[in-house]
Amino acid sequence: MEQTTNIVIPWRSAGDRWRDASFQYVSNHMEKYNPIIADDGAVPFSRSGSKNLGASLCTDDVVMFVDADTVIPHDQIDAAIELARQGYMVHPFTDYHAYSRYNTREVFEGRLNLSPKMSEWCITWATGGAIAMPKDFFFSIGSYDEGFIDWGFEDAALLIVGKKAGVELKRIPGECYHLWHPREPENDNILKNKDKYLKEYMGEQ
């Protein structure tokens, strides 16, 4: 089925070859959805601001956000979009698989197909990676909180706001795959994001 929904991918290259390769792989995988590569120009790079910019450019009544290191099968994406049209927030996966550096390289080089059997670990409670929802609803709840600088906790915060607004979160059964890249250290921005999330969204003092 042909989809008109644009997939928003927040992205700015920082010169890391693994992240650049992941972005290229994911954007190629998403080509049929006319992906919007979003960068709002903030310094440091703002995932929240870039996602909000990307959503404003979507032409459909559903918006889906997908991270630049996350691969999700097309049938799960299509199912999530259709469920979002019914008024839900939707994660297009249930099982979040992390790939090793070695297996990620094998995927990039075409010697390995993505499979749950090849992941290093899996969780079933991921709040990030990808989410779809009605575009009007996304903006009605204030969109992503741009007080989250750099990256971290913006997805979890949006889910809390969405649930408080009365919209149910659904999940499409299936896998998503996180491609390996060097992990960023928890810098001051990330620590401030955590503190903001705990105080403003979880009510901790």
N, C-alpha and C. Protein backbone atom coordinates (compact mmCIF):
# COMPACT_ATOMS: atom_id res chain seq x y z
N MET A 1 0.84 -1.18 0.00
CA MET A 1 0.00 0.00 0.00
C MET A 1 0.88 1.24 0.00
N GLU A 2 0.59 2.20 -0.91
CA GLU A 2 1.35 3.43 -0.96
C GLU A 2 0.94 4.34 0.18
N GLN A 3 1.92 4.92 0.86
CA GLN A 3 1.64 5.79 1.99
C GLN A 3 1.95 7.23 1.62
N THR A 4 1.14 8.15 2.15
CA THR A 4 1.39 9.57 1.95
C THR A 4 2.02 10.21 3.18
N THR A 5 2.11 9.47 4.27
CA THR A 5 2.69 10.01 5.50
C THR A 5 4.19 10.22 5.34
N ASN A 6 4.63 11.41 5.70
CA ASN A 6 6.07 11.66 5.75
C ASN A 6 6.64 11.15 7.06
N ILE A 7 7.79 10.49 6.99
CA ILE A 7 8.51 10.07 8.19
C ILE A 7 9.52 11.15 8.54
N VAL A 8 9.46 11.64 9.77
CA VAL A 8 10.39 12.68 10.23
C VAL A 8 11.60 12.02 10.88
N ILE A 9 12.78 12.32 10.35
CA ILE A 9 14.03 11.81 10.91
C ILE A 9 14.85 13.00 11.39
N PRO A 10 14.99 13.20 12.71
CA PRO A 10 15.84 14.30 13.19
C PRO A 10 17.30 13.94 12.96
N TRP A 11 18.05 14.87 12.33
CA TRP A 11 19.40 14.47 11.95
C TRP A 11 20.31 15.66 11.68
N ARG A 12 21.52 15.56 12.23
CA ARG A 12 22.63 16.43 11.85
C ARG A 12 23.91 15.63 12.01
N SER A 13 24.73 15.60 11.00
CA SER A 13 25.98 14.85 11.09
C SER A 13 26.94 15.53 12.05
N ALA A 14 27.58 14.71 12.89
CA ALA A 14 28.62 15.21 13.78
C ALA A 14 29.98 14.68 13.37
N GLY A 15 30.03 14.05 12.18
CA GLY A 15 31.30 13.54 11.67
C GLY A 15 31.65 12.15 12.11
N ASP A 16 30.73 11.47 12.80
CA ASP A 16 30.99 10.10 13.22
C ASP A 16 30.55 9.15 12.10
N ARG A 17 31.47 8.33 11.61
CA ARG A 17 31.16 7.51 10.43
C ARG A 17 30.09 6.46 10.72
N TRP A 18 30.02 5.96 11.94
CA TRP A 18 29.00 4.96 12.27
C TRP A 18 27.61 5.59 12.25
N ARG A 19 27.47 6.76 12.86
CA ARG A 19 26.17 7.45 12.85
C ARG A 19 25.79 7.86 11.43
N ASP A 20 26.78 8.33 10.67
CA ASP A 20 26.49 8.72 9.28
C ASP A 20 26.01 7.52 8.48
N ALA A 21 26.66 6.37 8.67
CA ALA A 21 26.26 5.17 7.95
C ALA A 21 24.87 4.70 8.37
N SER A 22 24.57 4.80 9.66
CA SER A 22 23.24 4.43 10.16
C SER A 22 22.17 5.32 9.53
N PHE A 23 22.43 6.62 9.52
CA PHE A 23 21.48 7.56 8.92
C PHE A 23 21.23 7.23 7.45
N GLN A 24 22.29 6.93 6.72
CA GLN A 24 22.13 6.61 5.30
C GLN A 24 21.30 5.35 5.12
N TYR A 25 21.56 4.34 5.96
CA TYR A 25 20.83 3.09 5.87
C TYR A 25 19.34 3.31 6.18
N VAL A 26 19.08 4.04 7.26
CA VAL A 26 17.70 4.28 7.68
C VAL A 26 16.96 5.13 6.65
N SER A 27 17.59 6.20 6.16
CA SER A 27 16.91 7.06 5.19
C SER A 27 16.62 6.31 3.89
N ASN A 28 17.51 5.42 3.48
CA ASN A 28 17.24 4.59 2.30
C ASN A 28 16.07 3.65 2.56
N HIS A 29 16.03 3.07 3.76
CA HIS A 29 14.95 2.16 4.13
C HIS A 29 13.60 2.88 4.13
N MET A 30 13.62 4.16 4.47
CA MET A 30 12.38 4.95 4.59
C MET A 30 12.02 5.70 3.30
N GLU A 31 12.72 5.44 2.22
CA GLU A 31 12.55 6.23 1.00
C GLU A 31 11.12 6.29 0.51
N LYS A 32 10.37 5.20 0.64
CA LYS A 32 8.99 5.18 0.13
C LYS A 32 8.07 6.13 0.88
N TYR A 33 8.49 6.59 2.05
CA TYR A 33 7.66 7.49 2.86
C TYR A 33 8.06 8.96 2.69
N ASN A 34 8.89 9.25 1.70
CA ASN A 34 9.33 10.64 1.48
C ASN A 34 9.81 11.27 2.79
N PRO A 35 10.87 10.72 3.37
CA PRO A 35 11.29 11.17 4.69
C PRO A 35 11.67 12.65 4.71
N ILE A 36 11.32 13.29 5.82
CA ILE A 36 11.72 14.67 6.07
C ILE A 36 12.92 14.63 7.01
N ILE A 37 14.06 15.07 6.52
CA ILE A 37 15.27 15.11 7.34
C ILE A 37 15.29 16.47 8.03
N ALA A 38 15.12 16.46 9.34
CA ALA A 38 14.84 17.70 10.06
C ALA A 38 16.01 18.15 10.92
N ASP A 39 16.36 19.42 10.79
CA ASP A 39 17.40 20.06 11.60
C ASP A 39 16.98 21.52 11.77
N ASP A 40 16.67 21.93 13.00
CA ASP A 40 16.19 23.29 13.22
C ASP A 40 17.32 24.30 13.39
N GLY A 41 18.57 23.83 13.31
CA GLY A 41 19.71 24.74 13.36
C GLY A 41 20.20 25.10 14.75
N ALA A 42 19.56 24.59 15.78
CA ALA A 42 19.97 24.94 17.14
C ALA A 42 21.36 24.38 17.45
N VAL A 43 22.07 25.06 18.35
CA VAL A 43 23.38 24.61 18.81
C VAL A 43 23.32 24.53 20.33
N PRO A 44 23.56 23.30 20.90
CA PRO A 44 23.81 22.05 20.19
C PRO A 44 22.55 21.55 19.47
N PHE A 45 22.72 20.51 18.65
CA PHE A 45 21.60 19.95 17.90
C PHE A 45 20.46 19.61 18.84
N SER A 46 19.27 20.04 18.46
CA SER A 46 18.08 19.80 19.28
C SER A 46 17.18 18.77 18.62
N ARG A 47 17.08 17.60 19.24
CA ARG A 47 16.16 16.59 18.71
C ARG A 47 14.71 17.08 18.82
N SER A 48 14.38 17.73 19.93
CA SER A 48 13.01 18.22 20.10
C SER A 48 12.66 19.26 19.06
N GLY A 49 13.50 20.27 18.92
CA GLY A 49 13.22 21.33 17.96
C GLY A 49 13.19 20.83 16.53
N SER A 50 14.08 19.89 16.22
CA SER A 50 14.13 19.35 14.86
C SER A 50 12.90 18.50 14.56
N LYS A 51 12.44 17.74 15.54
CA LYS A 51 11.21 16.96 15.34
C LYS A 51 10.01 17.88 15.15
N ASN A 52 9.96 18.96 15.93
CA ASN A 52 8.84 19.90 15.78
C ASN A 52 8.86 20.55 14.40
N LEU A 53 10.04 20.92 13.93
CA LEU A 53 10.15 21.48 12.59
C LEU A 53 9.69 20.47 11.55
N GLY A 54 10.16 19.23 11.66
CA GLY A 54 9.77 18.20 10.70
C GLY A 54 8.27 17.99 10.68
N ALA A 55 7.64 17.97 11.85
CA ALA A 55 6.19 17.77 11.92
C ALA A 55 5.44 18.90 11.22
N SER A 56 5.96 20.12 11.34
CA SER A 56 5.30 21.26 10.70
C SER A 56 5.35 21.17 9.18
N LEU A 57 6.28 20.38 8.66
CA LEU A 57 6.43 20.23 7.21
C LEU A 57 5.65 19.04 6.65
N CYS A 58 5.09 18.20 7.53
CA CYS A 58 4.34 17.03 7.08
C CYS A 58 3.06 17.47 6.38
N THR A 59 2.72 16.78 5.30
CA THR A 59 1.52 17.11 4.55
C THR A 59 0.34 16.21 4.90
N ASP A 60 0.57 15.15 5.64
CA ASP A 60 -0.48 14.19 5.99
C ASP A 60 -1.09 14.58 7.34
N ASP A 61 -2.19 13.89 7.70
CA ASP A 61 -2.81 14.15 9.01
C ASP A 61 -2.22 13.28 10.10
N VAL A 62 -1.24 12.44 9.75
CA VAL A 62 -0.49 11.64 10.72
C VAL A 62 0.98 11.99 10.60
N VAL A 63 1.65 12.07 11.74
CA VAL A 63 3.09 12.29 11.74
C VAL A 63 3.75 11.11 12.45
N MET A 64 4.86 10.63 11.89
CA MET A 64 5.65 9.59 12.54
C MET A 64 7.09 10.06 12.63
N PHE A 65 7.67 9.86 13.81
CA PHE A 65 9.07 10.19 14.06
C PHE A 65 9.86 8.89 14.16
N VAL A 66 11.01 8.83 13.48
CA VAL A 66 11.88 7.67 13.53
C VAL A 66 13.31 8.16 13.73
N ASP A 67 14.01 7.57 14.68
CA ASP A 67 15.40 7.95 14.93
C ASP A 67 16.30 7.50 13.79
N ALA A 68 17.40 8.20 13.63
CA ALA A 68 18.31 7.96 12.50
C ALA A 68 19.15 6.71 12.66
N ASP A 69 18.98 5.99 13.77
CA ASP A 69 19.71 4.74 13.98
C ASP A 69 18.77 3.56 14.19
N THR A 70 17.51 3.72 13.80
CA THR A 70 16.47 2.74 14.12
C THR A 70 15.79 2.23 12.85
N VAL A 71 15.75 0.91 12.67
CA VAL A 71 15.16 0.31 11.48
C VAL A 71 13.92 -0.48 11.89
N ILE A 72 12.81 -0.23 11.19
CA ILE A 72 11.54 -0.88 11.49
C ILE A 72 10.95 -1.41 10.19
N PRO A 73 10.48 -2.67 10.17
CA PRO A 73 9.88 -3.22 8.96
C PRO A 73 8.73 -2.37 8.43
N HIS A 74 8.61 -2.30 7.11
CA HIS A 74 7.60 -1.45 6.49
C HIS A 74 6.18 -1.84 6.88
N ASP A 75 5.90 -3.13 7.01
CA ASP A 75 4.52 -3.52 7.33
C ASP A 75 4.12 -3.02 8.70
N GLN A 76 5.06 -2.96 9.64
CA GLN A 76 4.75 -2.45 10.97
C GLN A 76 4.54 -0.93 10.93
N ILE A 77 5.32 -0.25 10.12
CA ILE A 77 5.13 1.19 9.96
C ILE A 77 3.75 1.48 9.37
N ASP A 78 3.39 0.74 8.33
CA ASP A 78 2.08 0.95 7.70
C ASP A 78 0.94 0.71 8.69
N ALA A 79 1.07 -0.35 9.49
CA ALA A 79 0.03 -0.65 10.48
C ALA A 79 -0.06 0.44 11.54
N ALA A 80 1.09 0.98 11.94
CA ALA A 80 1.10 2.05 12.94
C ALA A 80 0.44 3.31 12.40
N ILE A 81 0.70 3.63 11.15
CA ILE A 81 0.10 4.82 10.54
C ILE A 81 -1.42 4.69 10.50
N GLU A 82 -1.90 3.52 10.11
CA GLU A 82 -3.35 3.32 10.04
C GLU A 82 -3.99 3.41 11.42
N LEU A 83 -3.30 2.90 12.44
CA LEU A 83 -3.84 2.98 13.81
C LEU A 83 -3.80 4.42 14.31
N ALA A 84 -2.77 5.15 13.95
CA ALA A 84 -2.69 6.57 14.35
C ALA A 84 -3.83 7.36 13.72
N ARG A 85 -4.27 6.97 12.53
CA ARG A 85 -5.39 7.66 11.88
C ARG A 85 -6.67 7.51 12.70
N GLN A 86 -6.70 6.49 13.54
CA GLN A 86 -7.88 6.27 14.39
C GLN A 86 -7.80 7.06 15.69
N GLY A 87 -6.70 7.80 15.88
CA GLY A 87 -6.62 8.68 17.04
C GLY A 87 -5.68 8.25 18.15
N TYR A 88 -4.87 7.22 17.90
CA TYR A 88 -3.96 6.72 18.93
C TYR A 88 -2.54 7.25 18.74
N MET A 89 -1.77 7.23 19.83
CA MET A 89 -0.31 7.28 19.73
C MET A 89 0.14 5.84 19.55
N VAL A 90 1.12 5.61 18.66
CA VAL A 90 1.47 4.23 18.31
C VAL A 90 2.98 4.04 18.21
N HIS A 91 3.50 3.08 18.97
CA HIS A 91 4.86 2.59 18.73
C HIS A 91 4.76 1.48 17.69
N PRO A 92 5.52 1.54 16.59
CA PRO A 92 5.40 0.52 15.54
C PRO A 92 6.21 -0.74 15.83
N PHE A 93 6.37 -1.08 17.10
CA PHE A 93 7.14 -2.26 17.48
C PHE A 93 6.81 -2.62 18.92
N THR A 94 7.13 -3.85 19.29
CA THR A 94 7.07 -4.27 20.68
C THR A 94 8.46 -4.63 21.21
N ASP A 95 9.31 -5.19 20.35
CA ASP A 95 10.62 -5.69 20.79
C ASP A 95 11.74 -4.83 20.19
N TYR A 96 12.49 -4.18 21.07
CA TYR A 96 13.55 -3.25 20.67
C TYR A 96 14.89 -3.98 20.77
N HIS A 97 15.48 -4.28 19.61
CA HIS A 97 16.71 -5.06 19.55
C HIS A 97 17.92 -4.16 19.31
N ALA A 98 18.98 -4.42 20.06
CA ALA A 98 20.23 -3.69 19.86
C ALA A 98 21.22 -4.57 19.12
N TYR A 99 21.82 -4.01 18.07
CA TYR A 99 22.81 -4.74 17.29
C TYR A 99 24.22 -4.38 17.75
N SER A 100 25.12 -5.34 17.66
CA SER A 100 26.51 -5.12 18.02
C SER A 100 27.22 -4.35 16.92
N ARG A 101 28.42 -3.87 17.23
CA ARG A 101 29.23 -3.19 16.23
C ARG A 101 29.52 -4.12 15.05
N TYR A 102 29.88 -5.36 15.35
CA TYR A 102 30.23 -6.30 14.29
C TYR A 102 29.02 -6.57 13.39
N ASN A 103 27.85 -6.86 13.99
CA ASN A 103 26.68 -7.19 13.19
C ASN A 103 26.15 -5.97 12.43
N THR A 104 26.32 -4.79 13.01
CA THR A 104 25.92 -3.58 12.29
C THR A 104 26.77 -3.40 11.04
N ARG A 105 28.06 -3.64 11.15
CA ARG A 105 28.92 -3.56 9.97
C ARG A 105 28.49 -4.59 8.92
N GLU A 106 28.14 -5.79 9.36
CA GLU A 106 27.69 -6.81 8.42
C GLU A 106 26.41 -6.39 7.70
N VAL A 107 25.52 -5.71 8.42
CA VAL A 107 24.29 -5.19 7.79
C VAL A 107 24.63 -4.14 6.75
N PHE A 108 25.50 -3.20 7.10
CA PHE A 108 25.88 -2.14 6.17
C PHE A 108 26.50 -2.71 4.90
N GLU A 109 27.26 -3.79 5.04
CA GLU A 109 27.96 -4.36 3.91
C GLU A 109 27.13 -5.39 3.15
N GLY A 110 25.87 -5.58 3.59
CA GLY A 110 24.96 -6.45 2.86
C GLY A 110 25.16 -7.93 3.10
N ARG A 111 25.92 -8.28 4.14
CA ARG A 111 26.19 -9.70 4.41
C ARG A 111 25.27 -10.27 5.49
N LEU A 112 24.42 -9.42 6.06
CA LEU A 112 23.56 -9.87 7.15
C LEU A 112 22.21 -9.19 7.04
N ASN A 113 21.14 -9.99 7.09
CA ASN A 113 19.79 -9.44 7.14
C ASN A 113 19.39 -9.21 8.59
N LEU A 114 18.63 -8.17 8.82
CA LEU A 114 18.18 -7.89 10.18
C LEU A 114 17.29 -9.01 10.69
N SER A 115 17.60 -9.48 11.89
CA SER A 115 16.86 -10.60 12.48
C SER A 115 16.98 -10.52 14.00
N PRO A 116 15.90 -10.85 14.73
CA PRO A 116 15.98 -10.86 16.19
C PRO A 116 17.07 -11.79 16.72
N LYS A 117 17.37 -12.85 15.96
CA LYS A 117 18.34 -13.83 16.43
C LYS A 117 19.75 -13.25 16.55
N MET A 118 20.01 -12.14 15.85
CA MET A 118 21.36 -11.59 15.81
C MET A 118 21.56 -10.41 16.75
N SER A 119 20.55 -10.06 17.55
CA SER A 119 20.69 -8.89 18.41
C SER A 119 21.47 -9.23 19.68
N GLU A 120 22.11 -8.21 20.25
CA GLU A 120 22.85 -8.39 21.50
C GLU A 120 21.92 -8.48 22.69
N TRP A 121 20.90 -7.65 22.70
CA TRP A 121 19.91 -7.66 23.78
C TRP A 121 18.60 -7.08 23.26
N CYS A 122 17.53 -7.30 24.02
CA CYS A 122 16.21 -6.85 23.61
C CYS A 122 15.43 -6.36 24.83
N ILE A 123 14.70 -5.27 24.67
CA ILE A 123 13.78 -4.81 25.71
C ILE A 123 12.39 -4.65 25.09
N THR A 124 11.38 -4.67 25.93
CA THR A 124 9.99 -4.56 25.45
C THR A 124 9.31 -3.32 26.01
N TRP A 125 10.07 -2.40 26.61
CA TRP A 125 9.47 -1.23 27.22
C TRP A 125 10.04 0.08 26.66
N ALA A 126 10.68 0.06 25.51
CA ALA A 126 11.31 1.26 24.96
C ALA A 126 10.29 2.37 24.74
N THR A 127 10.65 3.61 25.11
CA THR A 127 9.78 4.76 24.89
C THR A 127 10.22 5.58 23.68
N GLY A 128 11.43 5.32 23.16
CA GLY A 128 11.94 6.06 22.01
C GLY A 128 12.07 5.17 20.80
N GLY A 129 12.75 5.68 19.79
CA GLY A 129 12.96 4.91 18.56
C GLY A 129 12.04 5.33 17.45
N ALA A 130 10.73 5.27 17.72
CA ALA A 130 9.74 5.66 16.71
C ALA A 130 8.37 5.77 17.35
N ILE A 131 7.59 6.73 16.88
CA ILE A 131 6.20 6.87 17.35
C ILE A 131 5.40 7.61 16.29
N ALA A 132 4.13 7.23 16.16
CA ALA A 132 3.20 7.88 15.23
C ALA A 132 1.99 8.38 16.01
N MET A 133 1.37 9.45 15.50
CA MET A 133 0.16 9.99 16.14
C MET A 133 -0.50 10.98 15.18
N PRO A 134 -1.76 11.34 15.43
CA PRO A 134 -2.38 12.37 14.60
C PRO A 134 -1.59 13.68 14.72
N LYS A 135 -1.37 14.36 13.60
CA LYS A 135 -0.57 15.58 13.62
C LYS A 135 -1.25 16.68 14.44
N ASP A 136 -2.56 16.82 14.30
CA ASP A 136 -3.27 17.84 15.07
C ASP A 136 -3.13 17.60 16.57
N PHE A 137 -3.22 16.34 16.97
CA PHE A 137 -3.06 16.01 18.39
C PHE A 137 -1.65 16.36 18.86
N PHE A 138 -0.65 16.04 18.05
CA PHE A 138 0.74 16.33 18.41
C PHE A 138 0.91 17.81 18.73
N PHE A 139 0.37 18.67 17.89
CA PHE A 139 0.52 20.11 18.14
C PHE A 139 -0.40 20.60 19.26
N SER A 140 -1.53 19.93 19.45
CA SER A 140 -2.47 20.36 20.50
C SER A 140 -1.89 20.14 21.90
N ILE A 141 -0.99 19.18 22.05
CA ILE A 141 -0.39 18.94 23.37
C ILE A 141 0.93 19.68 23.53
N GLY A 142 1.24 20.57 22.60
CA GLY A 142 2.43 21.39 22.75
C GLY A 142 3.64 20.89 22.03
N SER A 143 3.51 19.77 21.30
CA SER A 143 4.63 19.15 20.56
C SER A 143 5.76 18.77 21.51
N TYR A 144 6.96 18.55 20.98
CA TYR A 144 8.10 18.19 21.83
C TYR A 144 8.55 19.40 22.63
N ASP A 145 8.88 19.16 23.88
CA ASP A 145 9.36 20.20 24.79
C ASP A 145 10.78 20.59 24.38
N GLU A 146 10.94 21.81 23.85
CA GLU A 146 12.26 22.24 23.40
C GLU A 146 13.16 22.69 24.54
N GLY A 147 12.66 22.56 25.76
CA GLY A 147 13.51 22.78 26.92
C GLY A 147 14.48 21.62 27.14
N PHE A 148 14.23 20.50 26.47
CA PHE A 148 15.19 19.39 26.48
C PHE A 148 16.28 19.70 25.45
N ILE A 149 17.48 19.93 25.93
CA ILE A 149 18.59 20.35 25.07
C ILE A 149 19.36 19.11 24.60
N ASP A 150 19.83 19.15 23.36
CA ASP A 150 20.61 18.04 22.83
C ASP A 150 19.68 16.84 22.69
N TRP A 151 19.92 15.78 23.44
CA TRP A 151 19.03 14.62 23.34
C TRP A 151 18.79 14.05 24.74
N GLY A 152 17.75 13.24 24.87
CA GLY A 152 17.48 12.55 26.12
C GLY A 152 16.20 13.00 26.81
N PHE A 153 15.28 12.06 27.00
CA PHE A 153 14.06 12.20 27.80
C PHE A 153 12.92 12.92 27.08
N GLU A 154 13.16 13.44 25.89
CA GLU A 154 12.08 14.16 25.20
C GLU A 154 10.96 13.21 24.78
N ASP A 155 11.30 11.99 24.40
CA ASP A 155 10.27 11.02 24.00
C ASP A 155 9.41 10.60 25.19
N ALA A 156 10.06 10.30 26.31
CA ALA A 156 9.33 9.89 27.50
C ALA A 156 8.40 11.00 27.98
N ALA A 157 8.87 12.24 27.91
CA ALA A 157 8.05 13.38 28.33
C ALA A 157 6.82 13.52 27.44
N LEU A 158 6.99 13.36 26.13
CA LEU A 158 5.86 13.48 25.21
C LEU A 158 4.80 12.42 25.49
N LEU A 159 5.24 11.21 25.81
CA LEU A 159 4.28 10.15 26.12
C LEU A 159 3.45 10.49 27.34
N ILE A 160 4.09 11.06 28.37
CA ILE A 160 3.35 11.44 29.58
C ILE A 160 2.30 12.49 29.26
N VAL A 161 2.69 13.51 28.48
CA VAL A 161 1.74 14.57 28.12
C VAL A 161 0.58 13.99 27.29
N GLY A 162 0.90 13.11 26.35
CA GLY A 162 -0.12 12.51 25.52
C GLY A 162 -1.12 11.68 26.32
N LYS A 163 -0.60 10.90 27.25
CA LYS A 163 -1.48 10.07 28.07
C LYS A 163 -2.36 10.93 28.98
N LYS A 164 -1.80 12.02 29.52
CA LYS A 164 -2.60 12.92 30.35
C LYS A 164 -3.71 13.58 29.55
N ALA A 165 -3.46 13.74 28.24
CA ALA A 165 -4.49 14.33 27.37
C ALA A 165 -5.55 13.31 26.99
N GLY A 166 -5.38 12.08 27.41
CA GLY A 166 -6.41 11.07 27.21
C GLY A 166 -6.28 10.19 26.00
N VAL A 167 -5.12 10.23 25.34
CA VAL A 167 -4.92 9.39 24.16
C VAL A 167 -4.16 8.12 24.54
N GLU A 168 -4.68 6.99 24.12
CA GLU A 168 -4.10 5.70 24.47
C GLU A 168 -2.88 5.39 23.60
N LEU A 169 -1.87 4.78 24.23
CA LEU A 169 -0.69 4.32 23.51
C LEU A 169 -0.89 2.88 23.07
N LYS A 170 -0.71 2.62 21.78
CA LYS A 170 -0.80 1.27 21.24
C LYS A 170 0.57 0.85 20.73
N ARG A 171 0.76 -0.46 20.61
CA ARG A 171 2.00 -1.00 20.03
C ARG A 171 1.66 -2.00 18.93
N ILE A 172 2.42 -1.94 17.85
CA ILE A 172 2.30 -2.91 16.77
C ILE A 172 3.25 -4.07 17.07
N PRO A 173 2.77 -5.30 17.12
CA PRO A 173 3.66 -6.43 17.41
C PRO A 173 4.77 -6.55 16.36
N GLY A 174 6.00 -6.73 16.85
CA GLY A 174 7.11 -6.89 15.92
C GLY A 174 8.38 -6.26 16.45
N GLU A 175 9.41 -6.30 15.62
CA GLU A 175 10.74 -5.86 16.03
C GLU A 175 11.08 -4.47 15.50
N CYS A 176 12.00 -3.80 16.22
CA CYS A 176 12.76 -2.71 15.63
C CYS A 176 14.22 -2.97 15.98
N TYR A 177 15.11 -2.38 15.22
CA TYR A 177 16.54 -2.68 15.35
C TYR A 177 17.33 -1.39 15.52
N HIS A 178 18.09 -1.34 16.59
CA HIS A 178 18.96 -0.19 16.84
C HIS A 178 20.35 -0.53 16.33
N LEU A 179 20.81 0.26 15.35
CA LEU A 179 22.13 0.05 14.77
C LEU A 179 23.21 0.63 15.69
N TRP A 180 24.32 -0.09 15.79
CA TRP A 180 25.37 0.30 16.73
C TRP A 180 26.05 1.60 16.31
N HIS A 181 26.40 2.39 17.29
CA HIS A 181 27.29 3.55 17.11
C HIS A 181 27.89 3.87 18.47
N PRO A 182 29.00 4.59 18.51
CA PRO A 182 29.58 4.94 19.80
C PRO A 182 28.57 5.70 20.65
N ARG A 183 28.48 5.34 21.91
CA ARG A 183 27.51 5.98 22.81
C ARG A 183 28.04 7.33 23.29
N GLU A 184 27.17 8.33 23.22
CA GLU A 184 27.57 9.64 23.72
C GLU A 184 27.62 9.64 25.24
N PRO A 185 28.60 10.32 25.82
CA PRO A 185 28.65 10.40 27.28
C PRO A 185 27.50 11.23 27.82
N GLU A 186 27.14 11.02 29.09
CA GLU A 186 26.09 11.82 29.72
C GLU A 186 26.67 13.18 30.09
N ASN A 187 26.65 14.11 29.14
CA ASN A 187 27.19 15.43 29.38
C ASN A 187 26.23 16.27 30.21
N ASP A 188 26.58 17.54 30.45
CA ASP A 188 25.75 18.40 31.29
C ASP A 188 24.33 18.55 30.75
N ASN A 189 24.20 18.62 29.42
CA ASN A 189 22.87 18.76 28.83
C ASN A 189 21.99 17.56 29.16
N ILE A 190 22.56 16.38 29.06
CA ILE A 190 21.79 15.16 29.33
C ILE A 190 21.39 15.09 30.80
N LEU A 191 22.31 15.46 31.67
CA LEU A 191 22.01 15.45 33.10
C LEU A 191 20.93 16.47 33.43
N LYS A 192 20.96 17.63 32.78
CA LYS A 192 19.91 18.64 32.99
C LYS A 192 18.58 18.15 32.45
N ASN A 193 18.61 17.45 31.32
CA ASN A 193 17.38 16.87 30.78
C ASN A 193 16.75 15.88 31.76
N LYS A 194 17.60 15.05 32.35
CA LYS A 194 17.11 14.08 33.32
C LYS A 194 16.47 14.77 34.51
N ASP A 195 17.13 15.81 35.01
CA ASP A 195 16.60 16.55 36.15
C ASP A 195 15.27 17.23 35.79
N LYS A 196 15.22 17.81 34.60
CA LYS A 196 13.98 18.44 34.13
C LYS A 196 12.85 17.42 34.04
N TYR A 197 13.15 16.27 33.47
CA TYR A 197 12.13 15.22 33.31
C TYR A 197 11.59 14.76 34.67
N LEU A 198 12.49 14.52 35.60
CA LEU A 198 12.06 14.03 36.91
C LEU A 198 11.22 15.07 37.66
N LYS A 199 11.61 16.33 37.56
CA LYS A 199 10.90 17.38 38.30
C LYS A 199 9.60 17.80 37.63
N GLU A 200 9.66 18.03 36.32
CA GLU A 200 8.50 18.60 35.62
C GLU A 200 7.49 17.55 35.16
N TYR A 201 7.97 16.34 34.90
CA TYR A 201 7.08 15.32 34.33
C TYR A 201 6.78 14.17 35.29
N MET A 202 7.70 13.90 36.20
CA MET A 202 7.48 12.82 37.16
C MET A 202 7.13 13.35 38.56
N GLY A 203 7.23 14.66 38.75
CA GLY A 203 6.83 15.26 40.02
C GLY A 203 7.78 15.05 41.15
N GLU A 204 9.03 14.69 40.84
CA GLU A 204 10.01 14.50 41.90
C GLU A 204 10.65 15.84 42.26
N GLN A 205 10.94 16.03 43.55
CA GLN A 205 11.55 17.28 44.03
C GLN A 205 13.05 17.14 44.18
